[in-house]
Amino acid sequence: MGADFFSKCIGISIIIATIGFTVEGIQKAYGSGPIIDHADFPYESFTGSMSNGNSTTLLTVPSGQIFIITGGNSDGHYCDLYEGNTKRLEGSSKALDAEGGLFSYGKGHIAIASGNTLAITASGSTCTYYIEGYYASI
């Protein structure tokens, strides 16, 4: 019994030590990306309608933050999104289509830089839109 018992104790000790080293070796994950922070409610959404050729500024991103567009839709292919003077989303791309567009499923992401404006322009016909996103600290 002595040798058999001793072998079992050694085997159990090796298993316990292996589990201890494995658990100790697991790295903790810490995020290093943008921190969501804009007062108590970092999310914002916009809705509206405008006729062909018109444009409206939806927001100006505060200093030290970015605004990430995460979703939205439109009733046609006539809404272009601009960051300042740069077109970031062509309405004819169908990314904002209410049925099947990338942003209508919440799977698109466009970051608008700190200090820049987000504007929407009707191009070709009436633009009826819904845009949503959130602020993140940089």
C-alpha atoms as a PDB file:
ATOM      1  CA  MET A   1       0.000   0.000   0.000  1.00  0.00           C
ATOM      2  CA  GLY A   2       2.841   2.419   0.760  1.00  0.00           C
ATOM      3  CA  ALA A   3       4.295   2.621  -2.765  1.00  0.00           C
ATOM      4  CA  ASP A   4       0.876   2.649  -4.453  1.00  0.00           C
ATOM      5  CA  PHE A   5      -0.412   5.385  -2.121  1.00  0.00           C
ATOM      6  CA  PHE A   6       2.764   7.428  -2.631  1.00  0.00           C
ATOM      7  CA  SER A   7       2.421   7.164  -6.457  1.00  0.00           C
ATOM      8  CA  LYS A   8      -1.196   8.342  -6.317  1.00  0.00           C
ATOM      9  CA  CYS A   9      -0.269  11.298  -4.108  1.00  0.00           C
ATOM     10  CA  ILE A  10       2.527  12.313  -6.485  1.00  0.00           C
ATOM     11  CA  GLY A  11       0.142  12.011  -9.478  1.00  0.00           C
ATOM     12  CA  ILE A  12      -2.524  14.134  -7.778  1.00  0.00           C
ATOM     13  CA  SER A  13       0.104  16.717  -6.766  1.00  0.00           C
ATOM     14  CA  ILE A  14       1.312  16.989 -10.369  1.00  0.00           C
ATOM     15  CA  ILE A  15      -2.261  17.481 -11.617  1.00  0.00           C
ATOM     16  CA  ILE A  16      -2.944  20.184  -9.007  1.00  0.00           C
ATOM     17  CA  ALA A  17       0.319  21.979  -9.817  1.00  0.00           C
ATOM     18  CA  THR A  18      -0.451  21.845 -13.551  1.00  0.00           C
ATOM     19  CA  ILE A  19      -3.914  23.345 -13.002  1.00  0.00           C
ATOM     20  CA  GLY A  20      -2.413  26.055 -10.770  1.00  0.00           C
ATOM     21  CA  PHE A  21       0.192  27.060 -13.368  1.00  0.00           C
ATOM     22  CA  THR A  22      -2.443  27.031 -16.123  1.00  0.00           C
ATOM     23  CA  VAL A  23      -4.837  29.274 -14.199  1.00  0.00           C
ATOM     24  CA  GLU A  24      -2.012  31.610 -13.163  1.00  0.00           C
ATOM     25  CA  GLY A  25      -0.832  31.877 -16.782  1.00  0.00           C
ATOM     26  CA  ILE A  26      -4.201  33.079 -18.156  1.00  0.00           C
ATOM     27  CA  GLN A  27      -3.849  36.711 -19.176  1.00  0.00           C
ATOM     28  CA  LYS A  28      -6.477  39.240 -18.221  1.00  0.00           C
ATOM     29  CA  ALA A  29      -7.874  41.263 -21.117  1.00  0.00           C
ATOM     30  CA  TYR A  30      -7.891  45.029 -20.836  1.00  0.00           C
ATOM     31  CA  GLY A  31      -9.356  47.185 -23.585  1.00  0.00           C
ATOM     32  CA  SER A  32      -7.119  49.748 -25.196  1.00  0.00           C
ATOM     33  CA  GLY A  33      -9.579  51.233 -27.693  1.00  0.00           C
ATOM     34  CA  PRO A  34     -11.845  54.243 -27.389  1.00  0.00           C
ATOM     35  CA  ILE A  35     -13.716  54.700 -24.129  1.00  0.00           C
ATOM     36  CA  ILE A  36     -17.435  55.362 -24.436  1.00  0.00           C
ATOM     37  CA  ASP A  37     -18.064  58.597 -22.604  1.00  0.00           C
ATOM     38  CA  HIS A  38     -20.392  61.485 -23.370  1.00  0.00           C
ATOM     39  CA  ALA A  39     -22.124  62.678 -20.251  1.00  0.00           C
ATOM     40  CA  ASP A  40     -24.534  60.022 -18.996  1.00  0.00           C
ATOM     41  CA  PHE A  41     -25.839  58.966 -22.396  1.00  0.00           C
ATOM     42  CA  PRO A  42     -23.263  58.506 -25.174  1.00  0.00           C
ATOM     43  CA  TYR A  43     -25.774  57.445 -27.839  1.00  0.00           C
ATOM     44  CA  GLU A  44     -27.418  59.813 -30.274  1.00  0.00           C
ATOM     45  CA  SER A  45     -29.827  59.376 -33.170  1.00  0.00           C
ATOM     46  CA  PHE A  46     -31.135  61.631 -35.934  1.00  0.00           C
ATOM     47  CA  THR A  47     -34.162  61.426 -38.157  1.00  0.00           C
ATOM     48  CA  GLY A  48     -35.595  63.657 -40.813  1.00  0.00           C
ATOM     49  CA  SER A  49     -36.532  64.252 -44.411  1.00  0.00           C
ATOM     50  CA  MET A  50     -35.354  66.754 -47.013  1.00  0.00           C
ATOM     51  CA  SER A  51     -35.862  67.418 -50.677  1.00  0.00           C
ATOM     52  CA  ASN A  52     -33.263  66.977 -53.415  1.00  0.00           C
ATOM     53  CA  GLY A  53     -30.227  69.258 -53.150  1.00  0.00           C
ATOM     54  CA  ASN A  54     -30.708  70.165 -49.500  1.00  0.00           C
ATOM     55  CA  SER A  55     -28.237  69.372 -46.740  1.00  0.00           C
ATOM     56  CA  THR A  56     -28.291  69.481 -42.958  1.00  0.00           C
ATOM     57  CA  THR A  57     -25.561  69.215 -40.338  1.00  0.00           C
ATOM     58  CA  LEU A  58     -26.468  66.543 -37.807  1.00  0.00           C
ATOM     59  CA  LEU A  59     -23.664  67.132 -35.298  1.00  0.00           C
ATOM     60  CA  THR A  60     -20.225  68.531 -34.611  1.00  0.00           C
ATOM     61  CA  VAL A  61     -18.069  66.041 -32.707  1.00  0.00           C
ATOM     62  CA  PRO A  62     -16.751  67.475 -29.422  1.00  0.00           C
ATOM     63  CA  SER A  63     -13.009  67.841 -28.887  1.00  0.00           C
ATOM     64  CA  GLY A  64     -11.336  64.680 -27.579  1.00  0.00           C
ATOM     65  CA  GLN A  65     -14.079  62.399 -28.866  1.00  0.00           C
ATOM     66  CA  ILE A  66     -15.163  60.575 -31.998  1.00  0.00           C
ATOM     67  CA  PHE A  67     -18.679  59.716 -33.114  1.00  0.00           C
ATOM     68  CA  ILE A  68     -19.178  56.224 -34.467  1.00  0.00           C
ATOM     69  CA  ILE A  69     -22.154  55.708 -36.765  1.00  0.00           C
ATOM     70  CA  THR A  70     -23.452  52.208 -36.096  1.00  0.00           C
ATOM     71  CA  GLY A  71     -26.825  52.063 -37.765  1.00  0.00           C
ATOM     72  CA  GLY A  72     -29.455  53.750 -39.822  1.00  0.00           C
ATOM     73  CA  ASN A  73     -31.659  53.500 -42.846  1.00  0.00           C
ATOM     74  CA  SER A  74     -33.277  55.533 -45.584  1.00  0.00           C
ATOM     75  CA  ASP A  75     -36.263  55.066 -47.841  1.00  0.00           C
ATOM     76  CA  GLY A  76     -34.215  55.191 -51.029  1.00  0.00           C
ATOM     77  CA  HIS A  77     -30.749  55.637 -52.408  1.00  0.00           C
ATOM     78  CA  TYR A  78     -30.724  59.402 -52.089  1.00  0.00           C
ATOM     79  CA  CYS A  79     -28.983  60.148 -48.779  1.00  0.00           C
ATOM     80  CA  ASP A  80     -25.236  60.877 -48.819  1.00  0.00           C
ATOM     81  CA  LEU A  81     -23.299  61.198 -45.539  1.00  0.00           C
ATOM     82  CA  TYR A  82     -20.462  63.694 -45.235  1.00  0.00           C
ATOM     83  CA  GLU A  83     -17.699  64.194 -42.695  1.00  0.00           C
ATOM     84  CA  GLY A  84     -16.943  67.859 -43.213  1.00  0.00           C
ATOM     85  CA  ASN A  85     -16.591  68.186 -47.009  1.00  0.00           C
ATOM     86  CA  THR A  86     -15.654  64.519 -47.522  1.00  0.00           C
ATOM     87  CA  LYS A  87     -18.341  62.132 -48.685  1.00  0.00           C
ATOM     88  CA  ARG A  88     -18.168  59.120 -46.339  1.00  0.00           C
ATOM     89  CA  LEU A  89     -21.205  57.202 -47.599  1.00  0.00           C
ATOM     90  CA  GLU A  90     -22.725  57.336 -51.072  1.00  0.00           C
ATOM     91  CA  GLY A  91     -26.498  56.936 -50.938  1.00  0.00           C
ATOM     92  CA  SER A  92     -26.458  54.819 -54.082  1.00  0.00           C
ATOM     93  CA  SER A  93     -24.265  52.242 -52.260  1.00  0.00           C
ATOM     94  CA  LYS A  94     -27.491  50.948 -50.662  1.00  0.00           C
ATOM     95  CA  ALA A  95     -25.719  50.660 -47.280  1.00  0.00           C
ATOM     96  CA  LEU A  96     -28.624  52.597 -45.701  1.00  0.00           C
ATOM     97  CA  ASP A  97     -31.373  50.639 -47.447  1.00  0.00           C
ATOM     98  CA  ALA A  98     -34.161  49.796 -45.020  1.00  0.00           C
ATOM     99  CA  GLU A  99     -34.261  46.267 -46.415  1.00  0.00           C
ATOM    100  CA  GLY A 100     -30.846  44.669 -46.425  1.00  0.00           C
ATOM    101  CA  GLY A 101     -28.483  47.601 -46.049  1.00  0.00           C
ATOM    102  CA  LEU A 102     -25.400  47.119 -43.899  1.00  0.00           C
ATOM    103  CA  PHE A 103     -26.366  49.927 -41.533  1.00  0.00           C
ATOM    104  CA  SER A 104     -30.007  48.847 -41.263  1.00  0.00           C
ATOM    105  CA  TYR A 105     -28.697  45.674 -39.586  1.00  0.00           C
ATOM    106  CA  GLY A 106     -26.367  47.657 -37.310  1.00  0.00           C
ATOM    107  CA  LYS A 107     -23.284  46.108 -38.903  1.00  0.00           C
ATOM    108  CA  GLY A 108     -21.695  49.241 -40.330  1.00  0.00           C
ATOM    109  CA  HIS A 109     -19.271  51.534 -38.548  1.00  0.00           C
ATOM    110  CA  ILE A 110     -18.079  54.932 -39.686  1.00  0.00           C
ATOM    111  CA  ALA A 111     -15.990  57.021 -37.294  1.00  0.00           C
ATOM    112  CA  ILE A 112     -16.344  60.800 -37.473  1.00  0.00           C
ATOM    113  CA  ALA A 113     -13.218  62.516 -36.135  1.00  0.00           C
ATOM    114  CA  SER A 114     -13.018  64.978 -33.274  1.00  0.00           C
ATOM    115  CA  GLY A 115     -14.028  68.520 -34.290  1.00  0.00           C
ATOM    116  CA  ASN A 116     -15.586  67.432 -37.595  1.00  0.00           C
ATOM    117  CA  THR A 117     -19.205  67.721 -38.630  1.00  0.00           C
ATOM    118  CA  LEU A 118     -21.530  64.953 -39.759  1.00  0.00           C
ATOM    119  CA  ALA A 119     -23.934  66.119 -42.443  1.00  0.00           C
ATOM    120  CA  ILE A 120     -26.479  64.455 -44.701  1.00  0.00           C
ATOM    121  CA  THR A 121     -27.381  65.599 -48.221  1.00  0.00           C
ATOM    122  CA  ALA A 122     -30.304  64.641 -50.444  1.00  0.00           C
ATOM    123  CA  SER A 123     -29.025  63.708 -53.892  1.00  0.00           C
ATOM    124  CA  GLY A 124     -31.395  62.793 -56.687  1.00  0.00           C
ATOM    125  CA  SER A 125     -34.705  62.822 -54.837  1.00  0.00           C
ATOM    126  CA  THR A 126     -36.214  63.206 -51.364  1.00  0.00           C
ATOM    127  CA  CYS A 127     -34.049  61.796 -48.584  1.00  0.00           C
ATOM    128  CA  THR A 128     -35.837  60.386 -45.517  1.00  0.00           C
ATOM    129  CA  TYR A 129     -33.332  59.041 -43.010  1.00  0.00           C
ATOM    130  CA  TYR A 130     -32.570  57.618 -39.583  1.00  0.00           C
ATOM    131  CA  ILE A 131     -28.930  57.613 -38.334  1.00  0.00           C
ATOM    132  CA  GLU A 132     -27.648  56.389 -34.963  1.00  0.00           C
ATOM    133  CA  GLY A 133     -24.306  56.047 -33.227  1.00  0.00           C
ATOM    134  CA  TYR A 134     -22.306  56.756 -30.103  1.00  0.00           C
ATOM    135  CA  TYR A 135     -19.537  58.989 -28.801  1.00  0.00           C
ATOM    136  CA  ALA A 136     -16.211  57.587 -27.629  1.00  0.00           C
ATOM    137  CA  SER A 137     -13.292  59.347 -25.951  1.00  0.00           C
ATOM    138  CA  ILE A 138      -9.961  59.210 -27.751  1.00  0.00           C
END
